[in-house]
């Protein structure tokens, strides 16, 4: 099974046809894009169908998309060679439902696969909503299951991946004189919501590392290790 996940940035604009051509040149079975717009989904549906991925869905139908503004204008799409059944975004309990797209894929030869594409809003502009999204993802996926599962997307985290596999989260954004990073004590976002650096660090770390306990490992790092400078999230 070959899956490509890509944040196409700001809806894709005039690049949409080239974006589809680029991913299809790698003969994927499944493609998921982040930062699509509700208006662009019809065009993408046609482009992917013509390219051979005829099964298609996106995250906007249940999100009152016409009223979404700012960065909330952007959501997820998924195009597949195989039939799919969309899972309600409310099953995550995520505060921004348009940033989560979940489906059950009927694949060959792997059988049923539960696939989740997510986009975590950046913390600098959106504050604690990012952490609430992380917490919702962990709560939904931190369970033992017997079926295949995939989590992919744009996490806007971590700040750094170390050669030994350790990560520095966005909760560790303060550096001491001796060169070590430590947790910020308090953080207040632009809406005045406050919380601790410990909560911020834990929310990111639970998804990026904690889900390994539930058979959701970082596939890129598992294959390539931490010597590569590529962004794996």
C-alpha atoms as a PDB file:
ATOM      1  CA  UNK A   1       0.000   0.000   0.000  1.00  0.00           C
ATOM      2  CA  UNK A   2       1.460   3.362  -1.017  1.00  0.00           C
ATOM      3  CA  UNK A   3       0.082   6.457   0.719  1.00  0.00           C
ATOM      4  CA  UNK A   4       1.121  10.072   0.168  1.00  0.00           C
ATOM      5  CA  UNK A   5       0.191  12.799   2.649  1.00  0.00           C
ATOM      6  CA  UNK A   6       0.937  16.436   1.784  1.00  0.00           C
ATOM      7  CA  UNK A   7       0.057  19.859   3.155  1.00  0.00           C
ATOM      8  CA  UNK A   8      -0.488  21.723  -0.114  1.00  0.00           C
ATOM      9  CA  UNK A   9      -0.622  25.173   1.559  1.00  0.00           C
ATOM     10  CA  UNK A  10      -3.462  27.669   1.268  1.00  0.00           C
ATOM     11  CA  UNK A  11      -5.768  25.617  -0.930  1.00  0.00           C
ATOM     12  CA  UNK A  12      -3.311  24.961  -3.725  1.00  0.00           C
ATOM     13  CA  UNK A  13      -4.424  27.871  -5.923  1.00  0.00           C
ATOM     14  CA  UNK A  14      -3.240  27.626  -9.533  1.00  0.00           C
ATOM     15  CA  UNK A  15      -0.990  24.697  -8.537  1.00  0.00           C
ATOM     16  CA  UNK A  16      -3.825  22.193  -8.118  1.00  0.00           C
ATOM     17  CA  UNK A  17      -3.350  20.327 -11.374  1.00  0.00           C
ATOM     18  CA  UNK A  18       0.414  20.169 -10.881  1.00  0.00           C
ATOM     19  CA  UNK A  19      -0.043  18.958  -7.297  1.00  0.00           C
ATOM     20  CA  UNK A  20      -2.139  16.022  -8.460  1.00  0.00           C
ATOM     21  CA  UNK A  21       0.287  15.263 -11.303  1.00  0.00           C
ATOM     22  CA  UNK A  22       3.184  15.303  -8.831  1.00  0.00           C
ATOM     23  CA  UNK A  23       1.678  12.791  -6.409  1.00  0.00           C
ATOM     24  CA  UNK A  24       0.269  10.569  -9.136  1.00  0.00           C
ATOM     25  CA  UNK A  25       3.741  10.261 -10.686  1.00  0.00           C
ATOM     26  CA  UNK A  26       4.548   8.064  -7.657  1.00  0.00           C
ATOM     27  CA  UNK A  27       1.609   5.699  -8.335  1.00  0.00           C
ATOM     28  CA  UNK A  28      -0.072   6.012  -4.929  1.00  0.00           C
ATOM     29  CA  UNK A  29      -3.014   3.938  -3.772  1.00  0.00           C
ATOM     30  CA  UNK A  30      -4.191   6.665  -1.398  1.00  0.00           C
ATOM     31  CA  UNK A  31      -3.539  10.415  -1.267  1.00  0.00           C
ATOM     32  CA  UNK A  32      -4.485  12.792   1.518  1.00  0.00           C
ATOM     33  CA  UNK A  33      -4.054  16.570   1.288  1.00  0.00           C
ATOM     34  CA  UNK A  34      -4.169  19.095   4.107  1.00  0.00           C
ATOM     35  CA  UNK A  35      -5.129  22.782   3.657  1.00  0.00           C
ATOM     36  CA  UNK A  36      -7.679  22.278   0.887  1.00  0.00           C
ATOM     37  CA  UNK A  37     -10.661  24.609   0.714  1.00  0.00           C
ATOM     38  CA  UNK A  38     -14.304  23.651   0.439  1.00  0.00           C
ATOM     39  CA  UNK A  39     -14.414  25.350  -2.968  1.00  0.00           C
ATOM     40  CA  UNK A  40     -11.410  23.407  -4.285  1.00  0.00           C
ATOM     41  CA  UNK A  41     -12.711  19.937  -3.399  1.00  0.00           C
ATOM     42  CA  UNK A  42     -14.867  19.654  -6.545  1.00  0.00           C
ATOM     43  CA  UNK A  43     -11.874  20.377  -8.782  1.00  0.00           C
ATOM     44  CA  UNK A  44      -9.672  17.957  -6.874  1.00  0.00           C
ATOM     45  CA  UNK A  45     -12.344  15.260  -7.094  1.00  0.00           C
ATOM     46  CA  UNK A  46     -12.338  15.546 -10.885  1.00  0.00           C
ATOM     47  CA  UNK A  47      -8.544  15.584 -11.130  1.00  0.00           C
ATOM     48  CA  UNK A  48      -8.072  12.529  -8.933  1.00  0.00           C
ATOM     49  CA  UNK A  49     -10.887  10.601 -10.596  1.00  0.00           C
ATOM     50  CA  UNK A  50      -9.320  11.219 -14.001  1.00  0.00           C
ATOM     51  CA  UNK A  51      -5.984  10.047 -12.588  1.00  0.00           C
ATOM     52  CA  UNK A  52      -7.454   6.753 -11.350  1.00  0.00           C
ATOM     53  CA  UNK A  53      -8.295   7.472  -7.692  1.00  0.00           C
ATOM     54  CA  UNK A  54     -12.058   7.465  -8.046  1.00  0.00           C
ATOM     55  CA  UNK A  55     -13.024   7.150  -4.372  1.00  0.00           C
ATOM     56  CA  UNK A  56     -12.991  10.573  -2.752  1.00  0.00           C
ATOM     57  CA  UNK A  57     -14.108  12.411   0.373  1.00  0.00           C
ATOM     58  CA  UNK A  58     -13.280  15.538   2.359  1.00  0.00           C
ATOM     59  CA  UNK A  59     -13.789  16.990   5.822  1.00  0.00           C
ATOM     60  CA  UNK A  60     -16.214  19.834   5.083  1.00  0.00           C
ATOM     61  CA  UNK A  61     -19.729  18.311   4.728  1.00  0.00           C
ATOM     62  CA  UNK A  62     -20.475  18.287   8.473  1.00  0.00           C
ATOM     63  CA  UNK A  63     -18.555  21.455   9.364  1.00  0.00           C
ATOM     64  CA  UNK A  64     -20.814  24.333   8.259  1.00  0.00           C
ATOM     65  CA  UNK A  65     -18.017  25.151   5.839  1.00  0.00           C
ATOM     66  CA  UNK A  66     -19.486  28.395   4.466  1.00  0.00           C
ATOM     67  CA  UNK A  67     -19.090  30.027   7.873  1.00  0.00           C
ATOM     68  CA  UNK A  68     -15.460  29.018   8.424  1.00  0.00           C
ATOM     69  CA  UNK A  69     -12.984  31.906   8.236  1.00  0.00           C
ATOM     70  CA  UNK A  70      -9.245  32.460   8.639  1.00  0.00           C
ATOM     71  CA  UNK A  71      -7.187  29.287   8.938  1.00  0.00           C
ATOM     72  CA  UNK A  72     -10.383  27.358   9.562  1.00  0.00           C
ATOM     73  CA  UNK A  73     -11.169  27.692   5.842  1.00  0.00           C
ATOM     74  CA  UNK A  74      -8.721  24.848   5.286  1.00  0.00           C
ATOM     75  CA  UNK A  75      -9.535  21.177   5.700  1.00  0.00           C
ATOM     76  CA  UNK A  76      -8.617  17.681   4.496  1.00  0.00           C
ATOM     77  CA  UNK A  77      -9.323  15.532   1.475  1.00  0.00           C
ATOM     78  CA  UNK A  78      -8.678  11.906   0.688  1.00  0.00           C
ATOM     79  CA  UNK A  79      -8.586  10.146  -2.682  1.00  0.00           C
ATOM     80  CA  UNK A  80      -8.302   6.371  -2.887  1.00  0.00           C
ATOM     81  CA  UNK A  81      -8.003   3.518  -5.339  1.00  0.00           C
ATOM     82  CA  UNK A  82     -10.203   1.482  -3.015  1.00  0.00           C
ATOM     83  CA  UNK A  83     -13.701   2.004  -1.591  1.00  0.00           C
ATOM     84  CA  UNK A  84     -13.937   4.037   1.585  1.00  0.00           C
ATOM     85  CA  UNK A  85     -16.451   4.826   4.278  1.00  0.00           C
ATOM     86  CA  UNK A  86     -16.106   8.138   6.094  1.00  0.00           C
ATOM     87  CA  UNK A  87     -16.104   8.039   9.893  1.00  0.00           C
ATOM     88  CA  UNK A  88     -17.871  10.909  11.610  1.00  0.00           C
ATOM     89  CA  UNK A  89     -15.416  13.598  12.711  1.00  0.00           C
ATOM     90  CA  UNK A  90     -17.367  13.940  15.954  1.00  0.00           C
ATOM     91  CA  UNK A  91     -15.869  10.605  17.058  1.00  0.00           C
ATOM     92  CA  UNK A  92     -12.649  12.513  17.809  1.00  0.00           C
ATOM     93  CA  UNK A  93     -14.278  15.224  19.861  1.00  0.00           C
ATOM     94  CA  UNK A  94     -11.819  17.624  18.195  1.00  0.00           C
ATOM     95  CA  UNK A  95     -12.656  21.321  18.648  1.00  0.00           C
ATOM     96  CA  UNK A  96     -11.979  22.049  14.943  1.00  0.00           C
ATOM     97  CA  UNK A  97     -13.690  19.186  13.139  1.00  0.00           C
ATOM     98  CA  UNK A  98     -12.598  20.355   9.666  1.00  0.00           C
ATOM     99  CA  UNK A  99      -8.990  19.508  10.615  1.00  0.00           C
ATOM    100  CA  UNK A 100      -9.746  15.791  10.976  1.00  0.00           C
ATOM    101  CA  UNK A 101     -10.722  13.316   8.257  1.00  0.00           C
ATOM    102  CA  UNK A 102     -11.240   9.662   9.168  1.00  0.00           C
ATOM    103  CA  UNK A 103     -12.197   6.780   6.894  1.00  0.00           C
ATOM    104  CA  UNK A 104     -12.352   3.013   6.769  1.00  0.00           C
ATOM    105  CA  UNK A 105     -10.639   1.735   3.630  1.00  0.00           C
ATOM    106  CA  UNK A 106     -11.348  -1.649   2.088  1.00  0.00           C
ATOM    107  CA  UNK A 107      -7.888  -2.347   0.684  1.00  0.00           C
ATOM    108  CA  UNK A 108      -6.254  -5.135  -1.275  1.00  0.00           C
ATOM    109  CA  UNK A 109      -4.575  -7.189   0.065  1.00  0.00           C
ATOM    110  CA  UNK A 110      -4.556  -5.707   3.573  1.00  0.00           C
ATOM    111  CA  UNK A 111      -8.280  -5.785   4.275  1.00  0.00           C
ATOM    112  CA  UNK A 112      -9.839  -3.057   6.401  1.00  0.00           C
ATOM    113  CA  UNK A 113      -7.631  -0.088   7.280  1.00  0.00           C
ATOM    114  CA  UNK A 114      -8.667   2.790   9.548  1.00  0.00           C
ATOM    115  CA  UNK A 115      -7.031   5.952   8.225  1.00  0.00           C
ATOM    116  CA  UNK A 116      -6.906   9.368   9.910  1.00  0.00           C
ATOM    117  CA  UNK A 117      -5.607  12.530   8.249  1.00  0.00           C
ATOM    118  CA  UNK A 118      -5.184  15.511  10.591  1.00  0.00           C
ATOM    119  CA  UNK A 119      -3.846  19.053  10.536  1.00  0.00           C
ATOM    120  CA  UNK A 120      -2.840  20.598  13.835  1.00  0.00           C
ATOM    121  CA  UNK A 121      -3.112  24.417  13.765  1.00  0.00           C
ATOM    122  CA  UNK A 122       0.096  26.189  14.696  1.00  0.00           C
ATOM    123  CA  UNK A 123       0.346  27.296  18.302  1.00  0.00           C
ATOM    124  CA  UNK A 124       1.838  30.740  17.643  1.00  0.00           C
ATOM    125  CA  UNK A 125      -1.360  31.966  15.994  1.00  0.00           C
ATOM    126  CA  UNK A 126      -3.965  29.660  17.544  1.00  0.00           C
ATOM    127  CA  UNK A 127      -2.679  28.985  21.046  1.00  0.00           C
ATOM    128  CA  UNK A 128      -4.290  26.291  23.154  1.00  0.00           C
ATOM    129  CA  UNK A 129      -6.593  25.046  20.404  1.00  0.00           C
ATOM    130  CA  UNK A 130      -3.553  23.174  19.076  1.00  0.00           C
ATOM    131  CA  UNK A 131      -3.171  21.339  22.373  1.00  0.00           C
ATOM    132  CA  UNK A 132      -6.870  20.544  22.595  1.00  0.00           C
ATOM    133  CA  UNK A 133      -6.562  18.989  19.139  1.00  0.00           C
ATOM    134  CA  UNK A 134      -3.569  16.890  20.213  1.00  0.00           C
ATOM    135  CA  UNK A 135      -5.413  15.735  23.319  1.00  0.00           C
ATOM    136  CA  UNK A 136      -8.473  14.743  21.282  1.00  0.00           C
ATOM    137  CA  UNK A 137      -6.326  12.715  18.860  1.00  0.00           C
ATOM    138  CA  UNK A 138      -4.609  10.851  21.675  1.00  0.00           C
ATOM    139  CA  UNK A 139      -7.853  10.137  23.482  1.00  0.00           C
ATOM    140  CA  UNK A 140      -9.368   8.700  20.300  1.00  0.00           C
ATOM    141  CA  UNK A 141      -6.411   6.537  19.243  1.00  0.00           C
ATOM    142  CA  UNK A 142      -4.815   5.426  22.546  1.00  0.00           C
ATOM    143  CA  UNK A 143      -6.461   2.033  22.610  1.00  0.00           C
ATOM    144  CA  UNK A 144      -5.545  -1.529  21.734  1.00  0.00           C
ATOM    145  CA  UNK A 145      -7.069  -2.679  18.453  1.00  0.00           C
ATOM    146  CA  UNK A 146      -6.620  -5.672  16.173  1.00  0.00           C
ATOM    147  CA  UNK A 147      -7.128  -3.844  12.863  1.00  0.00           C
ATOM    148  CA  UNK A 148      -4.658  -1.846  10.783  1.00  0.00           C
ATOM    149  CA  UNK A 149      -4.544   1.903  11.532  1.00  0.00           C
ATOM    150  CA  UNK A 150      -2.727   4.864   9.979  1.00  0.00           C
ATOM    151  CA  UNK A 151      -2.391   8.405  11.342  1.00  0.00           C
ATOM    152  CA  UNK A 152      -0.904  10.985   8.982  1.00  0.00           C
ATOM    153  CA  UNK A 153      -0.972  14.713   8.310  1.00  0.00           C
ATOM    154  CA  UNK A 154       0.662  17.936   9.408  1.00  0.00           C
ATOM    155  CA  UNK A 155       1.306  18.100  13.170  1.00  0.00           C
ATOM    156  CA  UNK A 156       3.226  21.388  13.368  1.00  0.00           C
ATOM    157  CA  UNK A 157       5.447  19.596  15.883  1.00  0.00           C
ATOM    158  CA  UNK A 158       8.035  18.872  17.186  1.00  0.00           C
ATOM    159  CA  UNK A 159      10.523  21.715  17.178  1.00  0.00           C
ATOM    160  CA  UNK A 160      13.430  19.297  16.819  1.00  0.00           C
ATOM    161  CA  UNK A 161      14.149  15.589  16.370  1.00  0.00           C
ATOM    162  CA  UNK A 162      17.429  14.439  17.909  1.00  0.00           C
ATOM    163  CA  UNK A 163      19.803  11.850  16.382  1.00  0.00           C
ATOM    164  CA  UNK A 164      18.986   9.484  19.269  1.00  0.00           C
ATOM    165  CA  UNK A 165      15.241   9.685  18.615  1.00  0.00           C
ATOM    166  CA  UNK A 166      14.345  12.153  21.348  1.00  0.00           C
ATOM    167  CA  UNK A 167      12.175  15.140  20.464  1.00  0.00           C
ATOM    168  CA  UNK A 168      11.927  18.735  21.632  1.00  0.00           C
ATOM    169  CA  UNK A 169       8.305  19.800  21.738  1.00  0.00           C
ATOM    170  CA  UNK A 170       6.923  23.304  21.409  1.00  0.00           C
ATOM    171  CA  UNK A 171       6.386  23.213  25.168  1.00  0.00           C
ATOM    172  CA  UNK A 172      10.182  23.188  25.535  1.00  0.00           C
ATOM    173  CA  UNK A 173      10.739  26.529  23.867  1.00  0.00           C
ATOM    174  CA  UNK A 174      12.935  28.089  26.560  1.00  0.00           C
ATOM    175  CA  UNK A 175      16.691  27.516  26.734  1.00  0.00           C
ATOM    176  CA  UNK A 176      18.725  27.785  29.922  1.00  0.00           C
ATOM    177  CA  UNK A 177      22.248  29.303  30.088  1.00  0.00           C
ATOM    178  CA  UNK A 178      23.801  25.826  30.143  1.00  0.00           C
ATOM    179  CA  UNK A 179      22.207  24.973  26.797  1.00  0.00           C
ATOM    180  CA  UNK A 180      19.437  22.715  28.078  1.00  0.00           C
ATOM    181  CA  UNK A 181      15.801  23.186  27.160  1.00  0.00           C
ATOM    182  CA  UNK A 182      13.154  23.233  29.831  1.00  0.00           C
ATOM    183  CA  UNK A 183       9.401  23.621  30.041  1.00  0.00           C
ATOM    184  CA  UNK A 184       7.912  27.088  30.037  1.00  0.00           C
ATOM    185  CA  UNK A 185       6.057  27.734  33.303  1.00  0.00           C
ATOM    186  CA  UNK A 186       2.914  29.386  31.935  1.00  0.00           C
ATOM    187  CA  UNK A 187       1.656  30.309  28.498  1.00  0.00           C
ATOM    188  CA  UNK A 188      -1.199  32.683  27.689  1.00  0.00           C
ATOM    189  CA  UNK A 189      -2.478  32.667  24.119  1.00  0.00           C
ATOM    190  CA  UNK A 190      -3.954  35.545  22.141  1.00  0.00           C
ATOM    191  CA  UNK A 191      -7.431  34.812  23.456  1.00  0.00           C
ATOM    192  CA  UNK A 192      -6.237  35.012  27.051  1.00  0.00           C
ATOM    193  CA  UNK A 193      -6.426  31.276  27.708  1.00  0.00           C
ATOM    194  CA  UNK A 194      -3.675  30.129  30.088  1.00  0.00           C
ATOM    195  CA  UNK A 195      -2.001  26.806  30.755  1.00  0.00           C
ATOM    196  CA  UNK A 196       1.251  25.183  31.763  1.00  0.00           C
ATOM    197  CA  UNK A 197       4.242  24.174  29.695  1.00  0.00           C
ATOM    198  CA  UNK A 198       3.861  20.686  31.137  1.00  0.00           C
ATOM    199  CA  UNK A 199       0.418  20.279  29.594  1.00  0.00           C
ATOM    200  CA  UNK A 200       1.653  21.607  26.237  1.00  0.00           C
ATOM    201  CA  UNK A 201       4.652  19.278  26.222  1.00  0.00           C
ATOM    202  CA  UNK A 202       2.607  16.258  27.292  1.00  0.00           C
ATOM    203  CA  UNK A 203      -0.084  16.754  24.652  1.00  0.00           C
ATOM    204  CA  UNK A 204       2.449  16.785  21.806  1.00  0.00           C
ATOM    205  CA  UNK A 205       4.579  14.009  23.274  1.00  0.00           C
ATOM    206  CA  UNK A 206       1.615  11.676  23.856  1.00  0.00           C
ATOM    207  CA  UNK A 207       0.768  11.661  20.144  1.00  0.00           C
ATOM    208  CA  UNK A 208       4.279  11.797  18.676  1.00  0.00           C
ATOM    209  CA  UNK A 209       5.745   9.192  21.035  1.00  0.00           C
ATOM    210  CA  UNK A 210       3.009   7.816  23.290  1.00  0.00           C
ATOM    211  CA  UNK A 211       0.975   6.224  20.510  1.00  0.00           C
ATOM    212  CA  UNK A 212       3.834   3.798  19.887  1.00  0.00           C
ATOM    213  CA  UNK A 213       2.346   1.767  22.737  1.00  0.00           C
ATOM    214  CA  UNK A 214      -0.714   1.261  20.557  1.00  0.00           C
ATOM    215  CA  UNK A 215       1.144   0.153  17.415  1.00  0.00           C
ATOM    216  CA  UNK A 216       1.254   3.639  15.841  1.00  0.00           C
ATOM    217  CA  UNK A 217       4.960   4.172  15.244  1.00  0.00           C
ATOM    218  CA  UNK A 218       6.609   6.857  13.109  1.00  0.00           C
ATOM    219  CA  UNK A 219       6.883   4.892   9.856  1.00  0.00           C
ATOM    220  CA  UNK A 220       9.309   7.323   8.247  1.00  0.00           C
ATOM    221  CA  UNK A 221      11.781   7.183  11.139  1.00  0.00           C
ATOM    222  CA  UNK A 222      11.334   3.424  11.460  1.00  0.00           C
ATOM    223  CA  UNK A 223      12.528   3.051   7.875  1.00  0.00           C
ATOM    224  CA  UNK A 224      15.104   5.850   7.618  1.00  0.00           C
ATOM    225  CA  UNK A 225      16.238   6.473  11.207  1.00  0.00           C
ATOM    226  CA  UNK A 226      17.055   9.900  12.620  1.00  0.00           C
ATOM    227  CA  UNK A 227      20.097  10.638  10.460  1.00  0.00           C
ATOM    228  CA  UNK A 228      17.870  12.147   7.799  1.00  0.00           C
ATOM    229  CA  UNK A 229      17.099  15.852   8.133  1.00  0.00           C
ATOM    230  CA  UNK A 230      13.718  15.424   6.417  1.00  0.00           C
ATOM    231  CA  UNK A 231      10.582  16.512   8.230  1.00  0.00           C
ATOM    232  CA  UNK A 232       8.660  13.365   9.116  1.00  0.00           C
ATOM    233  CA  UNK A 233       5.576  14.972  10.616  1.00  0.00           C
END
